[in-house]
Amino acid sequence: MCIEWPWEATKAGLTFGQMANVQTVGLGLYLALAVIQAVSTTGVAGLTRRVATLRQAVVSGNMGPVEIGNAKRLSYDVSGLEIGFHDLNRRLLAVVFALFSTSLAYFAYTTAYQNLDAGQDGVWFIFFIYLVLPVLIFMGSSILISWRCQAVAKKVGEAEKRVTAKTLGLKVKGVPNDRQL
């Protein structure tokens, strides 16, 4: 068989020096996890701008208490997202920093003893801490951020359609008129 599976690599007698490529990729993955924080902040900032524009249009267009209430609820929802993401980012930063510190210390150890046989435990530790864990953290956080933003973004999009239709006096399919609100 041409493919060498990772679980068979533990039988190959790999040294720490031979595992250095995996470790450098893993260190880069931990540093890349900081991007998640920027992505979540950017996503919420975009929703905040959209809601602010929506509120301005509702107030400027004298659209009445129903649309003003909708705009206020959307503002509340976006504020809740922002507060939740600040909490997520704080926790994620602490976890990632601890894992990054651990992986950096282990990288220093394996660099000093790079000619030693990594053994089965060492190989599995390197695969898990440097590859599996950062990818799982990235995927989990991305899914959570997407899931939380999706519902609010959908509500904002629907409100934008209603306000645009009212502002321009258009009849848009799927957008209720004043009497239905």
N, C-alpha and C. Protein backbone atom coordinates (compact mmCIF):
# COMPACT_ATOMS: atom_id res chain seq x y z
N MET A 1 0.85 -1.18 0.00
CA MET A 1 0.00 0.00 0.00
C MET A 1 0.89 1.24 0.00
N CYS A 2 0.55 2.23 -0.81
CA CYS A 2 1.35 3.45 -0.95
C CYS A 2 1.12 4.44 0.20
N ILE A 3 -0.03 4.39 0.78
CA ILE A 3 -0.39 5.37 1.81
C ILE A 3 0.11 4.89 3.16
N GLU A 4 0.80 5.77 3.86
CA GLU A 4 1.22 5.44 5.21
C GLU A 4 0.33 6.22 6.17
N TRP A 5 -0.48 5.52 6.90
CA TRP A 5 -1.44 6.14 7.80
C TRP A 5 -0.72 6.60 9.07
N PRO A 6 -1.23 7.67 9.70
CA PRO A 6 -0.58 8.19 10.91
C PRO A 6 -0.45 7.17 12.02
N TRP A 7 -1.43 6.28 12.18
CA TRP A 7 -1.36 5.31 13.26
C TRP A 7 -0.27 4.26 12.99
N GLU A 8 0.15 4.11 11.73
CA GLU A 8 1.25 3.22 11.42
C GLU A 8 2.60 3.92 11.62
N ALA A 9 2.60 5.25 11.63
CA ALA A 9 3.83 6.01 11.80
C ALA A 9 4.42 5.79 13.18
N THR A 10 3.59 5.44 14.15
CA THR A 10 4.10 5.23 15.50
C THR A 10 4.99 4.00 15.58
N LYS A 11 4.88 3.09 14.59
CA LYS A 11 5.70 1.89 14.56
C LYS A 11 7.02 2.13 13.82
N ALA A 12 7.17 3.30 13.20
CA ALA A 12 8.31 3.55 12.32
C ALA A 12 9.57 3.98 13.06
N GLY A 13 9.50 4.20 14.36
CA GLY A 13 10.67 4.63 15.11
C GLY A 13 11.11 6.05 14.76
N LEU A 14 10.14 6.95 14.65
CA LEU A 14 10.45 8.34 14.29
C LEU A 14 11.14 9.06 15.43
N THR A 15 12.06 9.93 15.07
CA THR A 15 12.72 10.75 16.08
C THR A 15 11.97 12.07 16.19
N PHE A 16 12.26 12.81 17.25
CA PHE A 16 11.63 14.12 17.41
C PHE A 16 12.02 15.05 16.27
N GLY A 17 13.23 14.92 15.78
CA GLY A 17 13.68 15.75 14.67
C GLY A 17 12.87 15.50 13.41
N GLN A 18 12.46 14.25 13.19
CA GLN A 18 11.65 13.92 12.03
C GLN A 18 10.21 14.43 12.17
N MET A 19 9.80 14.70 13.38
CA MET A 19 8.44 15.20 13.61
C MET A 19 8.38 16.73 13.63
N ALA A 20 9.50 17.39 13.41
CA ALA A 20 9.57 18.86 13.49
C ALA A 20 8.63 19.55 12.51
N ASN A 21 8.45 18.97 11.32
CA ASN A 21 7.55 19.60 10.34
C ASN A 21 6.12 19.66 10.86
N VAL A 22 5.71 18.58 11.48
CA VAL A 22 4.36 18.55 12.05
C VAL A 22 4.23 19.63 13.13
N GLN A 23 5.27 19.76 13.93
CA GLN A 23 5.21 20.73 15.02
C GLN A 23 5.19 22.17 14.52
N THR A 24 5.94 22.47 13.48
CA THR A 24 5.93 23.85 12.97
C THR A 24 4.59 24.20 12.36
N VAL A 25 3.97 23.24 11.67
CA VAL A 25 2.62 23.47 11.14
C VAL A 25 1.65 23.71 12.29
N GLY A 26 1.75 22.90 13.33
CA GLY A 26 0.86 23.04 14.49
C GLY A 26 1.00 24.39 15.18
N LEU A 27 2.25 24.85 15.32
CA LEU A 27 2.45 26.18 15.93
C LEU A 27 1.79 27.26 15.08
N GLY A 28 1.91 27.13 13.77
CA GLY A 28 1.25 28.08 12.87
C GLY A 28 -0.26 28.03 12.98
N LEU A 29 -0.81 26.83 13.17
CA LEU A 29 -2.26 26.71 13.33
C LEU A 29 -2.74 27.41 14.60
N TYR A 30 -1.97 27.29 15.67
CA TYR A 30 -2.36 27.99 16.90
C TYR A 30 -2.34 29.50 16.70
N LEU A 31 -1.35 29.98 15.98
CA LEU A 31 -1.30 31.42 15.71
C LEU A 31 -2.46 31.85 14.81
N ALA A 32 -2.84 30.97 13.90
CA ALA A 32 -3.95 31.29 12.99
C ALA A 32 -5.29 31.32 13.70
N LEU A 33 -5.39 30.69 14.86
CA LEU A 33 -6.66 30.72 15.59
C LEU A 33 -7.04 32.14 16.02
N ALA A 34 -6.07 33.04 16.07
CA ALA A 34 -6.37 34.43 16.39
C ALA A 34 -7.26 35.05 15.31
N VAL A 35 -7.23 34.49 14.11
CA VAL A 35 -8.06 34.99 13.02
C VAL A 35 -9.54 34.84 13.36
N ILE A 36 -9.88 33.82 14.11
CA ILE A 36 -11.28 33.60 14.49
C ILE A 36 -11.82 34.82 15.23
N GLN A 37 -11.01 35.36 16.10
CA GLN A 37 -11.45 36.52 16.85
C GLN A 37 -11.70 37.70 15.92
N ALA A 38 -10.84 37.89 14.94
CA ALA A 38 -11.04 38.98 13.99
C ALA A 38 -12.29 38.74 13.14
N VAL A 39 -12.51 37.49 12.73
CA VAL A 39 -13.67 37.17 11.91
C VAL A 39 -14.96 37.42 12.68
N SER A 40 -15.03 36.98 13.93
CA SER A 40 -16.26 37.18 14.70
C SER A 40 -16.49 38.67 14.95
N THR A 41 -15.43 39.42 15.22
CA THR A 41 -15.57 40.85 15.46
C THR A 41 -16.02 41.56 14.19
N THR A 42 -15.45 41.18 13.06
CA THR A 42 -15.81 41.79 11.78
C THR A 42 -17.26 41.49 11.42
N GLY A 43 -17.68 40.25 11.65
CA GLY A 43 -19.06 39.88 11.34
C GLY A 43 -20.06 40.67 12.16
N VAL A 44 -19.79 40.82 13.44
CA VAL A 44 -20.69 41.59 14.30
C VAL A 44 -20.65 43.07 13.92
N ALA A 45 -19.47 43.58 13.57
CA ALA A 45 -19.36 44.99 13.17
C ALA A 45 -20.19 45.25 11.91
N GLY A 46 -20.18 44.31 10.98
CA GLY A 46 -20.99 44.44 9.77
C GLY A 46 -22.48 44.46 10.09
N LEU A 47 -22.91 43.56 10.98
CA LEU A 47 -24.32 43.55 11.39
C LEU A 47 -24.68 44.85 12.12
N THR A 48 -23.76 45.35 12.95
CA THR A 48 -24.01 46.60 13.68
C THR A 48 -24.21 47.75 12.72
N ARG A 49 -23.38 47.83 11.69
CA ARG A 49 -23.53 48.91 10.68
C ARG A 49 -24.85 48.78 9.94
N ARG A 50 -25.21 47.56 9.58
CA ARG A 50 -26.47 47.35 8.86
C ARG A 50 -27.67 47.77 9.71
N VAL A 51 -27.65 47.41 11.00
CA VAL A 51 -28.76 47.76 11.90
C VAL A 51 -28.79 49.27 12.12
N ALA A 52 -27.63 49.91 12.25
CA ALA A 52 -27.60 51.37 12.43
C ALA A 52 -28.19 52.07 11.21
N THR A 53 -27.85 51.60 10.02
CA THR A 53 -28.41 52.18 8.80
C THR A 53 -29.91 51.94 8.74
N LEU A 54 -30.32 50.77 9.14
CA LEU A 54 -31.74 50.43 9.16
C LEU A 54 -32.51 51.34 10.13
N ARG A 55 -31.96 51.52 11.32
CA ARG A 55 -32.62 52.39 12.31
C ARG A 55 -32.73 53.82 11.79
N GLN A 56 -31.66 54.29 11.15
CA GLN A 56 -31.68 55.64 10.58
C GLN A 56 -32.78 55.76 9.52
N ALA A 57 -32.90 54.76 8.67
CA ALA A 57 -33.92 54.78 7.62
C ALA A 57 -35.32 54.75 8.22
N VAL A 58 -35.50 53.94 9.27
CA VAL A 58 -36.82 53.83 9.91
C VAL A 58 -37.21 55.16 10.55
N VAL A 59 -36.28 55.77 11.25
CA VAL A 59 -36.57 57.04 11.92
C VAL A 59 -36.77 58.15 10.89
N SER A 60 -35.91 58.21 9.89
CA SER A 60 -36.01 59.25 8.86
C SER A 60 -37.27 59.12 8.04
N GLY A 61 -37.70 57.89 7.82
CA GLY A 61 -38.89 57.66 7.01
C GLY A 61 -40.19 57.69 7.79
N ASN A 62 -40.13 58.00 9.08
CA ASN A 62 -41.34 58.03 9.93
C ASN A 62 -42.19 56.78 9.68
N MET A 63 -41.61 55.62 9.88
CA MET A 63 -42.28 54.37 9.53
C MET A 63 -43.18 53.82 10.62
N GLY A 64 -43.24 54.46 11.72
CA GLY A 64 -44.18 54.04 12.73
C GLY A 64 -43.58 53.13 13.80
N PRO A 65 -44.38 52.86 14.83
CA PRO A 65 -43.88 52.14 16.00
C PRO A 65 -43.52 50.68 15.73
N VAL A 66 -44.16 50.06 14.75
CA VAL A 66 -43.87 48.64 14.49
C VAL A 66 -42.43 48.49 13.97
N GLU A 67 -42.08 49.26 12.95
CA GLU A 67 -40.73 49.17 12.39
C GLU A 67 -39.69 49.71 13.36
N ILE A 68 -40.03 50.73 14.13
CA ILE A 68 -39.09 51.25 15.14
C ILE A 68 -38.83 50.16 16.18
N GLY A 69 -39.87 49.47 16.59
CA GLY A 69 -39.72 48.36 17.54
C GLY A 69 -38.88 47.24 16.95
N ASN A 70 -39.09 46.93 15.67
CA ASN A 70 -38.29 45.90 15.01
C ASN A 70 -36.81 46.29 14.99
N ALA A 71 -36.54 47.55 14.65
CA ALA A 71 -35.15 48.02 14.59
C ALA A 71 -34.50 47.97 15.98
N LYS A 72 -35.27 48.32 17.01
CA LYS A 72 -34.73 48.26 18.37
C LYS A 72 -34.43 46.82 18.78
N ARG A 73 -35.33 45.89 18.43
CA ARG A 73 -35.10 44.48 18.74
C ARG A 73 -33.86 43.95 18.03
N LEU A 74 -33.69 44.37 16.78
CA LEU A 74 -32.50 43.94 16.05
C LEU A 74 -31.23 44.49 16.68
N SER A 75 -31.30 45.73 17.15
CA SER A 75 -30.15 46.32 17.85
C SER A 75 -29.84 45.51 19.10
N TYR A 76 -30.86 45.13 19.81
CA TYR A 76 -30.70 44.31 21.02
C TYR A 76 -30.06 42.97 20.67
N ASP A 77 -30.55 42.33 19.60
CA ASP A 77 -30.00 41.03 19.19
C ASP A 77 -28.52 41.14 18.82
N VAL A 78 -28.16 42.19 18.07
CA VAL A 78 -26.77 42.37 17.67
C VAL A 78 -25.89 42.66 18.89
N SER A 79 -26.41 43.44 19.83
CA SER A 79 -25.66 43.71 21.06
C SER A 79 -25.43 42.42 21.84
N GLY A 80 -26.43 41.56 21.88
CA GLY A 80 -26.29 40.27 22.55
C GLY A 80 -25.22 39.41 21.88
N LEU A 81 -25.20 39.42 20.54
CA LEU A 81 -24.16 38.70 19.82
C LEU A 81 -22.78 39.22 20.17
N GLU A 82 -22.66 40.54 20.17
CA GLU A 82 -21.36 41.16 20.45
C GLU A 82 -20.87 40.81 21.85
N ILE A 83 -21.76 40.89 22.82
CA ILE A 83 -21.38 40.54 24.20
C ILE A 83 -20.99 39.06 24.29
N GLY A 84 -21.75 38.20 23.62
CA GLY A 84 -21.44 36.77 23.61
C GLY A 84 -20.10 36.48 22.95
N PHE A 85 -19.79 37.19 21.86
CA PHE A 85 -18.52 36.96 21.18
C PHE A 85 -17.34 37.49 21.98
N HIS A 86 -17.55 38.57 22.74
CA HIS A 86 -16.47 39.04 23.61
C HIS A 86 -16.15 37.97 24.64
N ASP A 87 -17.18 37.35 25.20
CA ASP A 87 -16.97 36.28 26.17
C ASP A 87 -16.29 35.08 25.52
N LEU A 88 -16.76 34.68 24.35
CA LEU A 88 -16.16 33.56 23.62
C LEU A 88 -14.69 33.85 23.31
N ASN A 89 -14.40 35.07 22.84
CA ASN A 89 -13.03 35.43 22.49
C ASN A 89 -12.11 35.42 23.70
N ARG A 90 -12.60 35.88 24.84
CA ARG A 90 -11.78 35.85 26.06
C ARG A 90 -11.44 34.42 26.46
N ARG A 91 -12.44 33.56 26.44
CA ARG A 91 -12.22 32.16 26.82
C ARG A 91 -11.32 31.46 25.80
N LEU A 92 -11.61 31.70 24.53
CA LEU A 92 -10.82 31.08 23.47
C LEU A 92 -9.37 31.53 23.52
N LEU A 93 -9.15 32.80 23.80
CA LEU A 93 -7.78 33.31 23.89
C LEU A 93 -7.03 32.63 25.03
N ALA A 94 -7.67 32.44 26.15
CA ALA A 94 -7.01 31.77 27.29
C ALA A 94 -6.67 30.32 26.96
N VAL A 95 -7.61 29.61 26.34
CA VAL A 95 -7.37 28.20 25.99
C VAL A 95 -6.27 28.09 24.94
N VAL A 96 -6.36 28.92 23.90
CA VAL A 96 -5.37 28.86 22.83
C VAL A 96 -3.98 29.26 23.35
N PHE A 97 -3.92 30.25 24.22
CA PHE A 97 -2.62 30.65 24.77
C PHE A 97 -2.01 29.52 25.59
N ALA A 98 -2.83 28.84 26.39
CA ALA A 98 -2.33 27.72 27.19
C ALA A 98 -1.83 26.59 26.29
N LEU A 99 -2.60 26.27 25.25
CA LEU A 99 -2.19 25.21 24.33
C LEU A 99 -0.96 25.61 23.52
N PHE A 100 -0.92 26.87 23.10
CA PHE A 100 0.24 27.37 22.36
C PHE A 100 1.50 27.32 23.23
N SER A 101 1.37 27.72 24.48
CA SER A 101 2.51 27.68 25.41
C SER A 101 2.99 26.25 25.61
N THR A 102 2.04 25.33 25.78
CA THR A 102 2.39 23.92 25.94
C THR A 102 3.10 23.40 24.70
N SER A 103 2.55 23.71 23.54
CA SER A 103 3.17 23.21 22.30
C SER A 103 4.52 23.85 22.05
N LEU A 104 4.69 25.11 22.42
CA LEU A 104 5.99 25.78 22.27
C LEU A 104 7.03 25.17 23.21
N ALA A 105 6.63 24.89 24.45
CA ALA A 105 7.55 24.25 25.40
C ALA A 105 7.94 22.85 24.92
N TYR A 106 6.97 22.11 24.42
CA TYR A 106 7.27 20.76 23.92
C TYR A 106 8.15 20.84 22.68
N PHE A 107 7.93 21.85 21.84
CA PHE A 107 8.77 22.05 20.65
C PHE A 107 10.22 22.33 21.08
N ALA A 108 10.40 23.13 22.12
CA ALA A 108 11.75 23.41 22.63
C ALA A 108 12.39 22.11 23.14
N TYR A 109 11.63 21.31 23.88
CA TYR A 109 12.14 20.04 24.40
C TYR A 109 12.56 19.12 23.25
N THR A 110 11.66 18.98 22.24
CA THR A 110 11.96 18.06 21.14
C THR A 110 13.09 18.58 20.26
N THR A 111 13.28 19.89 20.23
CA THR A 111 14.41 20.44 19.47
C THR A 111 15.72 20.10 20.18
N ALA A 112 15.72 20.21 21.49
CA ALA A 112 16.93 19.89 22.25
C ALA A 112 17.26 18.40 22.18
N TYR A 113 16.24 17.56 22.10
CA TYR A 113 16.44 16.10 22.07
C TYR A 113 15.94 15.52 20.75
N GLN A 114 16.28 16.16 19.66
CA GLN A 114 15.71 15.76 18.38
C GLN A 114 16.18 14.40 17.87
N ASN A 115 17.27 13.88 18.39
CA ASN A 115 17.75 12.57 17.93
C ASN A 115 17.15 11.42 18.73
N LEU A 116 16.37 11.72 19.75
CA LEU A 116 15.71 10.67 20.52
C LEU A 116 14.53 10.10 19.75
N ASP A 117 14.26 8.82 19.98
CA ASP A 117 13.08 8.19 19.40
C ASP A 117 11.84 8.79 20.06
N ALA A 118 10.91 9.25 19.24
CA ALA A 118 9.69 9.89 19.77
C ALA A 118 8.80 8.89 20.48
N GLY A 119 8.84 7.65 20.06
CA GLY A 119 7.98 6.64 20.67
C GLY A 119 6.52 6.84 20.27
N GLN A 120 5.73 5.87 20.60
CA GLN A 120 4.31 5.92 20.23
C GLN A 120 3.60 7.08 20.93
N ASP A 121 3.85 7.27 22.21
CA ASP A 121 3.20 8.35 22.96
C ASP A 121 3.60 9.72 22.42
N GLY A 122 4.87 9.89 22.10
CA GLY A 122 5.34 11.17 21.57
C GLY A 122 4.73 11.51 20.22
N VAL A 123 4.65 10.50 19.35
CA VAL A 123 4.06 10.72 18.02
C VAL A 123 2.58 11.08 18.14
N TRP A 124 1.86 10.32 18.97
CA TRP A 124 0.43 10.61 19.14
C TRP A 124 0.22 11.98 19.79
N PHE A 125 1.04 12.33 20.76
CA PHE A 125 0.93 13.64 21.40
C PHE A 125 1.15 14.75 20.36
N ILE A 126 2.16 14.58 19.54
CA ILE A 126 2.46 15.59 18.51
C ILE A 126 1.31 15.70 17.52
N PHE A 127 0.79 14.56 17.03
CA PHE A 127 -0.34 14.61 16.11
C PHE A 127 -1.55 15.29 16.75
N PHE A 128 -1.84 14.94 17.98
CA PHE A 128 -3.03 15.47 18.64
C PHE A 128 -2.89 16.96 18.97
N ILE A 129 -1.80 17.33 19.66
CA ILE A 129 -1.67 18.70 20.16
C ILE A 129 -1.37 19.69 19.04
N TYR A 130 -0.67 19.24 17.99
CA TYR A 130 -0.25 20.15 16.94
C TYR A 130 -1.18 20.16 15.73
N LEU A 131 -1.91 19.09 15.50
CA LEU A 131 -2.76 19.06 14.31
C LEU A 131 -4.25 18.94 14.62
N VAL A 132 -4.60 17.93 15.38
CA VAL A 132 -6.03 17.66 15.61
C VAL A 132 -6.68 18.76 16.45
N LEU A 133 -6.08 19.12 17.55
CA LEU A 133 -6.69 20.09 18.47
C LEU A 133 -6.91 21.47 17.84
N PRO A 134 -5.91 22.06 17.17
CA PRO A 134 -6.19 23.38 16.57
C PRO A 134 -7.26 23.33 15.49
N VAL A 135 -7.29 22.25 14.72
CA VAL A 135 -8.31 22.14 13.67
C VAL A 135 -9.69 22.00 14.30
N LEU A 136 -9.81 21.20 15.36
CA LEU A 136 -11.10 21.05 16.04
C LEU A 136 -11.56 22.37 16.66
N ILE A 137 -10.64 23.11 17.27
CA ILE A 137 -10.99 24.40 17.85
C ILE A 137 -11.45 25.36 16.76
N PHE A 138 -10.74 25.39 15.65
CA PHE A 138 -11.11 26.27 14.54
C PHE A 138 -12.49 25.92 13.98
N MET A 139 -12.71 24.63 13.72
CA MET A 139 -14.00 24.20 13.16
C MET A 139 -15.14 24.47 14.15
N GLY A 140 -14.93 24.13 15.41
CA GLY A 140 -15.97 24.34 16.42
C GLY A 140 -16.33 25.81 16.58
N SER A 141 -15.32 26.67 16.65
CA SER A 141 -15.60 28.10 16.81
C SER A 141 -16.26 28.68 15.57
N SER A 142 -15.79 28.27 14.40
CA SER A 142 -16.38 28.79 13.16
C SER A 142 -17.84 28.39 13.04
N ILE A 143 -18.15 27.15 13.39
CA ILE A 143 -19.55 26.69 13.33
C ILE A 143 -20.40 27.46 14.34
N LEU A 144 -19.88 27.64 15.55
CA LEU A 144 -20.63 28.37 16.58
C LEU A 144 -20.87 29.82 16.15
N ILE A 145 -19.86 30.48 15.63
CA ILE A 145 -19.99 31.87 15.20
C ILE A 145 -20.99 31.97 14.05
N SER A 146 -20.88 31.09 13.09
CA SER A 146 -21.80 31.10 11.95
C SER A 146 -23.23 30.86 12.41
N TRP A 147 -23.42 29.88 13.28
CA TRP A 147 -24.76 29.53 13.76
C TRP A 147 -25.40 30.71 14.51
N ARG A 148 -24.61 31.37 15.35
CA ARG A 148 -25.15 32.48 16.14
C ARG A 148 -25.45 33.70 15.28
N CYS A 149 -24.63 33.96 14.27
CA CYS A 149 -24.83 35.14 13.41
C CYS A 149 -25.94 34.93 12.39
N GLN A 150 -26.14 33.71 11.98
CA GLN A 150 -27.07 33.42 10.89
C GLN A 150 -28.49 33.87 11.20
N ALA A 151 -28.99 33.58 12.37
CA ALA A 151 -30.37 33.93 12.72
C ALA A 151 -30.56 35.45 12.74
N VAL A 152 -29.61 36.16 13.33
CA VAL A 152 -29.72 37.62 13.40
C VAL A 152 -29.57 38.23 12.01
N ALA A 153 -28.63 37.73 11.22
CA ALA A 153 -28.42 38.25 9.86
C ALA A 153 -29.68 38.05 9.01
N LYS A 154 -30.38 36.94 9.20
CA LYS A 154 -31.61 36.69 8.45
C LYS A 154 -32.68 37.72 8.83
N LYS A 155 -32.83 37.99 10.13
CA LYS A 155 -33.80 38.99 10.58
C LYS A 155 -33.45 40.38 10.04
N VAL A 156 -32.16 40.72 10.04
CA VAL A 156 -31.73 42.02 9.53
C VAL A 156 -32.03 42.12 8.04
N GLY A 157 -31.77 41.06 7.30
CA GLY A 157 -32.05 41.04 5.87
C GLY A 157 -33.54 41.24 5.58
N GLU A 158 -34.39 40.57 6.34
CA GLU A 158 -35.84 40.73 6.16
C GLU A 158 -36.29 42.15 6.47
N ALA A 159 -35.75 42.72 7.55
CA ALA A 159 -36.10 44.10 7.90
C ALA A 159 -35.62 45.07 6.83
N GLU A 160 -34.44 44.83 6.28
CA GLU A 160 -33.93 45.71 5.22
C GLU A 160 -34.85 45.67 4.00
N LYS A 161 -35.34 44.49 3.66
CA LYS A 161 -36.27 44.38 2.52
C LYS A 161 -37.54 45.18 2.79
N ARG A 162 -38.09 45.03 4.00
CA ARG A 162 -39.33 45.76 4.34
C ARG A 162 -39.11 47.26 4.28
N VAL A 163 -38.03 47.73 4.89
CA VAL A 163 -37.77 49.17 4.94
C VAL A 163 -37.49 49.72 3.56
N THR A 164 -36.74 48.98 2.76
CA THR A 164 -36.46 49.42 1.38
C THR A 164 -37.75 49.50 0.59
N ALA A 165 -38.60 48.50 0.73
CA ALA A 165 -39.87 48.51 0.01
C ALA A 165 -40.73 49.69 0.44
N LYS A 166 -40.78 49.98 1.72
CA LYS A 166 -41.58 51.10 2.21
C LYS A 166 -40.97 52.43 1.79
N THR A 167 -39.66 52.53 1.84
CA THR A 167 -38.99 53.78 1.48
C THR A 167 -39.21 54.11 0.01
N LEU A 168 -39.13 53.12 -0.84
CA LEU A 168 -39.27 53.34 -2.27
C LEU A 168 -40.70 53.17 -2.76
N GLY A 169 -41.60 52.77 -1.86
CA GLY A 169 -43.00 52.58 -2.23
C GLY A 169 -43.20 51.40 -3.16
N LEU A 170 -42.36 50.38 -3.01
CA LEU A 170 -42.44 49.20 -3.88
C LEU A 170 -43.24 48.09 -3.23
N LYS A 171 -43.77 47.25 -4.05
CA LYS A 171 -44.39 46.02 -3.58
C LYS A 171 -43.39 44.91 -3.87
N VAL A 172 -42.85 44.33 -2.83
CA VAL A 172 -41.85 43.28 -2.99
C VAL A 172 -42.45 41.98 -2.50
N LYS A 173 -42.26 40.92 -3.31
CA LYS A 173 -42.79 39.61 -2.97
C LYS A 173 -42.20 39.16 -1.63
N GLY A 174 -43.04 38.71 -0.74
CA GLY A 174 -42.58 38.23 0.57
C GLY A 174 -42.44 39.33 1.61
N VAL A 175 -42.73 40.59 1.21
CA VAL A 175 -42.63 41.71 2.14
C VAL A 175 -44.05 42.20 2.41
N PRO A 176 -44.51 42.13 3.66
CA PRO A 176 -45.88 42.55 3.97
C PRO A 176 -46.04 44.07 3.82
N ASN A 177 -47.27 44.47 3.50
CA ASN A 177 -47.53 45.91 3.43
C ASN A 177 -47.87 46.43 4.82
N ASP A 178 -48.17 47.73 4.94
CA ASP A 178 -48.41 48.35 6.24
C ASP A 178 -49.55 47.68 7.00
N ARG A 179 -50.60 47.28 6.30
CA ARG A 179 -51.75 46.73 6.99
C ARG A 179 -51.45 45.36 7.59
N GLN A 180 -50.48 44.63 7.03
CA GLN A 180 -50.14 43.30 7.55
C GLN A 180 -49.19 43.38 8.73
N LEU A 181 -48.49 44.49 8.90
CA LEU A 181 -47.58 44.64 10.02
C LEU A 181 -48.37 44.96 11.22
